[in-house]
N, C-alpha and C. Protein backbone atom coordinates (compact mmCIF):
# COMPACT_ATOMS: atom_id res chain seq x y z
N SER A 1 -37.61 -36.02 -39.19
CA SER A 1 -37.05 -35.60 -40.49
C SER A 1 -35.86 -34.68 -39.67
N ILE A 2 -34.69 -34.56 -40.58
CA ILE A 2 -33.33 -33.82 -40.31
C ILE A 2 -34.18 -32.44 -40.12
N ALA A 3 -35.16 -31.95 -40.82
CA ALA A 3 -35.64 -30.34 -40.55
C ALA A 3 -35.83 -30.51 -39.29
N GLU A 4 -36.54 -31.09 -38.80
CA GLU A 4 -37.50 -31.25 -37.46
C GLU A 4 -36.33 -31.46 -36.14
N ILE A 5 -35.08 -32.29 -36.59
CA ILE A 5 -34.26 -32.34 -35.69
C ILE A 5 -33.36 -31.17 -35.82
N THR A 6 -33.18 -30.28 -36.57
CA THR A 6 -32.69 -29.33 -36.79
C THR A 6 -33.31 -27.86 -35.81
N ASP A 7 -34.25 -27.63 -36.35
CA ASP A 7 -35.34 -26.97 -35.61
C ASP A 7 -35.24 -27.26 -34.34
N GLU A 8 -35.49 -28.53 -33.34
CA GLU A 8 -35.36 -28.79 -32.13
C GLU A 8 -34.06 -28.53 -31.72
N ALA A 9 -33.06 -28.87 -32.37
CA ALA A 9 -31.58 -28.37 -32.24
C ALA A 9 -31.28 -27.00 -31.85
N GLY A 10 -31.74 -26.03 -32.63
CA GLY A 10 -31.81 -24.52 -32.47
C GLY A 10 -32.42 -23.96 -31.27
N LYS A 11 -33.88 -24.76 -30.90
CA LYS A 11 -34.65 -24.63 -29.84
C LYS A 11 -33.35 -24.45 -28.66
N VAL A 12 -32.99 -25.79 -28.38
CA VAL A 12 -32.20 -26.24 -27.34
C VAL A 12 -31.09 -25.40 -27.23
N GLU A 13 -30.55 -24.71 -28.60
CA GLU A 13 -29.11 -23.86 -28.42
C GLU A 13 -29.60 -22.40 -27.83
N ARG A 14 -30.90 -22.04 -28.39
CA ARG A 14 -31.43 -20.62 -27.83
C ARG A 14 -31.95 -20.93 -26.12
N VAL A 15 -32.07 -21.84 -25.97
CA VAL A 15 -32.66 -21.83 -24.34
C VAL A 15 -31.22 -22.30 -23.83
N VAL A 16 -30.27 -22.87 -23.91
CA VAL A 16 -28.82 -22.74 -23.76
C VAL A 16 -28.24 -21.45 -23.36
N GLU A 17 -28.53 -20.51 -24.49
CA GLU A 17 -27.66 -19.40 -24.57
C GLU A 17 -28.23 -18.69 -23.35
N ALA A 18 -30.23 -18.65 -23.41
CA ALA A 18 -30.37 -17.61 -22.19
C ALA A 18 -30.05 -18.01 -20.97
N ILE A 19 -30.07 -19.39 -21.10
CA ILE A 19 -29.19 -19.94 -19.58
C ILE A 19 -28.13 -19.45 -19.35
N ALA A 20 -27.07 -19.27 -20.19
CA ALA A 20 -25.68 -18.85 -20.20
C ALA A 20 -26.09 -17.44 -19.47
N ARG A 21 -26.79 -16.66 -20.11
CA ARG A 21 -26.71 -15.08 -20.05
C ARG A 21 -27.25 -15.06 -18.54
N SER A 22 -28.47 -15.58 -18.18
CA SER A 22 -28.55 -15.50 -16.70
C SER A 22 -27.74 -15.96 -16.11
N LEU A 23 -26.92 -16.30 -15.90
CA LEU A 23 -25.89 -17.30 -15.23
C LEU A 23 -24.49 -16.03 -15.04
N LEU A 24 -24.76 -15.23 -16.50
CA LEU A 24 -23.66 -14.45 -16.53
C LEU A 24 -23.73 -13.06 -15.81
N GLU A 25 -25.53 -12.66 -15.49
CA GLU A 25 -25.92 -11.63 -15.05
C GLU A 25 -26.34 -12.04 -13.65
N GLN A 26 -26.20 -13.06 -13.38
CA GLN A 26 -26.37 -13.72 -11.71
C GLN A 26 -24.68 -13.59 -11.24
N GLN A 27 -23.82 -13.59 -11.96
CA GLN A 27 -22.83 -13.84 -11.40
C GLN A 27 -22.08 -12.20 -11.27
N GLU A 28 -22.49 -11.29 -12.27
CA GLU A 28 -21.73 -10.01 -12.36
C GLU A 28 -22.56 -9.22 -11.15
N GLY A 29 -24.07 -9.76 -10.75
CA GLY A 29 -24.82 -9.33 -9.71
C GLY A 29 -24.54 -9.70 -8.36
N ALA A 30 -23.73 -11.16 -8.21
CA ALA A 30 -22.76 -11.30 -7.22
C ALA A 30 -21.55 -10.58 -6.85
N GLY A 31 -20.98 -10.34 -7.82
CA GLY A 31 -19.63 -9.62 -8.15
C GLY A 31 -20.21 -7.94 -7.31
N ALA A 32 -21.01 -7.50 -7.89
CA ALA A 32 -21.37 -6.43 -7.49
C ALA A 32 -21.79 -6.18 -6.02
N ILE A 33 -22.60 -7.34 -5.44
CA ILE A 33 -23.07 -7.57 -3.88
C ILE A 33 -21.60 -7.62 -3.04
N ALA A 34 -20.89 -8.48 -3.73
CA ALA A 34 -19.51 -8.93 -2.85
C ALA A 34 -18.88 -7.35 -3.05
N HIS A 35 -18.55 -6.78 -3.70
CA HIS A 35 -18.08 -5.31 -3.77
C HIS A 35 -19.07 -4.13 -2.47
N SER A 36 -20.29 -4.78 -2.84
CA SER A 36 -20.95 -3.61 -1.71
C SER A 36 -20.52 -4.27 -0.37
N VAL A 37 -20.68 -5.61 -0.13
CA VAL A 37 -20.09 -5.93 1.37
C VAL A 37 -19.20 -5.58 1.91
N GLU A 38 -17.81 -5.45 0.72
CA GLU A 38 -16.62 -5.28 0.99
C GLU A 38 -16.39 -3.68 1.61
N ALA A 39 -17.24 -3.25 0.46
CA ALA A 39 -17.30 -1.51 1.08
C ALA A 39 -18.07 -1.24 2.46
N ILE A 40 -19.10 -1.75 2.66
CA ILE A 40 -19.58 -1.98 4.20
C ILE A 40 -18.94 -2.26 5.18
N ALA A 41 -17.82 -3.53 4.99
CA ALA A 41 -17.00 -3.72 6.10
C ALA A 41 -15.82 -2.87 6.16
N ASN A 42 -15.63 -1.91 5.24
CA ASN A 42 -14.29 -0.75 5.33
C ASN A 42 -15.34 -0.12 5.93
N MET A 43 -16.17 0.42 5.91
CA MET A 43 -17.03 1.79 6.53
C MET A 43 -17.21 1.57 7.80
N ALA A 44 -17.45 -0.14 8.22
CA ALA A 44 -17.56 -0.69 9.85
C ALA A 44 -16.31 -0.56 10.05
N GLN A 45 -15.11 -0.78 9.49
CA GLN A 45 -13.69 -0.52 10.30
C GLN A 45 -13.46 0.84 10.79
N ASP A 46 -13.66 1.78 9.53
CA ASP A 46 -13.54 3.01 9.69
C ASP A 46 -14.41 3.34 11.23
N SER A 47 -15.81 3.01 10.92
CA SER A 47 -16.29 3.50 12.41
C SER A 47 -15.74 2.94 13.29
N ALA A 48 -15.34 1.74 13.43
CA ALA A 48 -14.89 1.07 14.56
C ALA A 48 -13.10 2.03 14.98
N ASP A 49 -12.75 2.11 14.51
CA ASP A 49 -11.41 3.03 14.23
C ASP A 49 -11.68 4.44 14.99
N SER A 50 -12.52 5.36 14.56
CA SER A 50 -13.34 6.49 14.76
C SER A 50 -13.54 6.57 16.23
N ALA A 51 -14.49 5.31 16.78
CA ALA A 51 -14.68 5.10 18.07
C ALA A 51 -13.75 5.07 18.81
N SER A 52 -12.46 3.78 18.51
CA SER A 52 -11.55 3.85 19.28
C SER A 52 -10.73 5.44 19.15
N LYS A 53 -10.37 6.15 18.52
CA LYS A 53 -9.86 7.64 18.71
C LYS A 53 -10.76 8.63 19.79
N VAL A 54 -12.20 8.28 19.53
CA VAL A 54 -13.31 9.02 20.21
C VAL A 54 -12.70 8.81 21.76
N ALA A 55 -12.72 7.09 22.15
CA ALA A 55 -12.70 6.63 23.45
C ALA A 55 -11.20 7.48 24.21
N GLN A 56 -9.96 7.18 23.16
CA GLN A 56 -8.89 7.72 23.58
C GLN A 56 -9.04 9.42 24.18
N GLU A 57 -9.81 9.97 23.16
CA GLU A 57 -9.82 11.56 23.40
C GLU A 57 -10.75 11.70 24.87
N VAL A 58 -11.50 10.91 25.32
CA VAL A 58 -12.56 11.13 25.87
C VAL A 58 -11.59 10.67 27.35
N GLY A 59 -10.76 9.51 27.19
CA GLY A 59 -9.71 9.26 28.48
C GLY A 59 -8.87 10.31 28.62
N GLY A 60 -8.21 11.22 27.67
CA GLY A 60 -7.66 12.05 27.89
C GLY A 60 -8.34 13.12 28.79
N LEU A 61 -9.64 13.56 28.02
CA LEU A 61 -10.24 14.35 28.65
C LEU A 61 -10.62 14.32 30.08
N GLU A 62 -10.77 12.84 30.42
CA GLU A 62 -11.14 12.55 31.90
C GLU A 62 -10.17 12.72 32.65
N ARG A 63 -8.89 12.52 31.86
CA ARG A 63 -7.42 12.55 32.96
C ARG A 63 -7.52 14.34 33.68
N SER A 64 -7.38 14.88 32.12
CA SER A 64 -7.41 16.31 32.30
C SER A 64 -8.32 16.75 33.36
N ALA A 65 -9.63 16.13 33.50
CA ALA A 65 -10.56 16.76 34.42
C ALA A 65 -10.12 16.72 35.80
N ALA A 66 -9.95 15.25 35.85
CA ALA A 66 -9.60 14.88 37.29
C ALA A 66 -8.05 15.71 37.67
N ALA A 67 -7.01 15.99 37.25
CA ALA A 67 -5.89 16.62 37.34
C ALA A 67 -6.57 18.00 37.70
N LEU A 68 -7.33 18.77 36.71
CA LEU A 68 -7.97 20.35 37.15
C LEU A 68 -8.52 20.12 38.50
N THR A 69 -9.44 18.87 38.79
CA THR A 69 -10.35 19.06 39.96
C THR A 69 -9.19 19.02 40.81
N GLN A 70 -8.12 18.33 41.02
CA GLN A 70 -7.08 18.14 41.93
C GLN A 70 -6.35 19.55 42.24
N ALA A 71 -6.04 20.23 41.20
CA ALA A 71 -5.51 21.56 41.65
C ALA A 71 -6.31 22.42 41.81
N VAL A 72 -7.50 22.22 41.86
CA VAL A 72 -8.50 23.51 42.39
C VAL A 72 -8.52 23.25 43.94
N GLN A 73 -8.50 21.70 44.24
CA GLN A 73 -8.56 21.27 45.67
C GLN A 73 -7.31 21.86 46.30
N ARG A 74 -6.41 21.72 45.61
CA ARG A 74 -4.79 22.21 46.57
C ARG A 74 -5.09 23.56 46.40
N PHE A 75 -5.26 24.24 45.64
CA PHE A 75 -5.35 25.83 45.49
C PHE A 75 -6.50 26.09 46.88
N ARG A 76 -7.48 25.63 46.78
CA ARG A 76 -8.52 25.90 47.76
C ARG A 76 -7.94 25.49 49.44
N LEU A 77 -7.00 24.74 49.52
CA LEU A 77 -6.46 24.23 50.71
C LEU A 77 -5.30 25.07 50.85
N SER A 78 -4.58 25.62 49.95
CA SER A 78 -3.47 26.80 50.52
C SER A 78 -4.00 28.11 50.73
């Protein structure tokens, strides 16, 4: 009967709407995950940049220490 068909169509419509809502929620979740991954990648890059700066500073300190050691040795020899 038409009433049964209409009732079944309503059920199908509700299922489709529920699926659509679920897909939208998943899409929003995926967007949030992508944003988090981007933030983590940015933090990793910042950490790498900081590590590079620290390495440069260490290199400068090593050169200064070597120069001071040579200066002390020259002072002792004179």
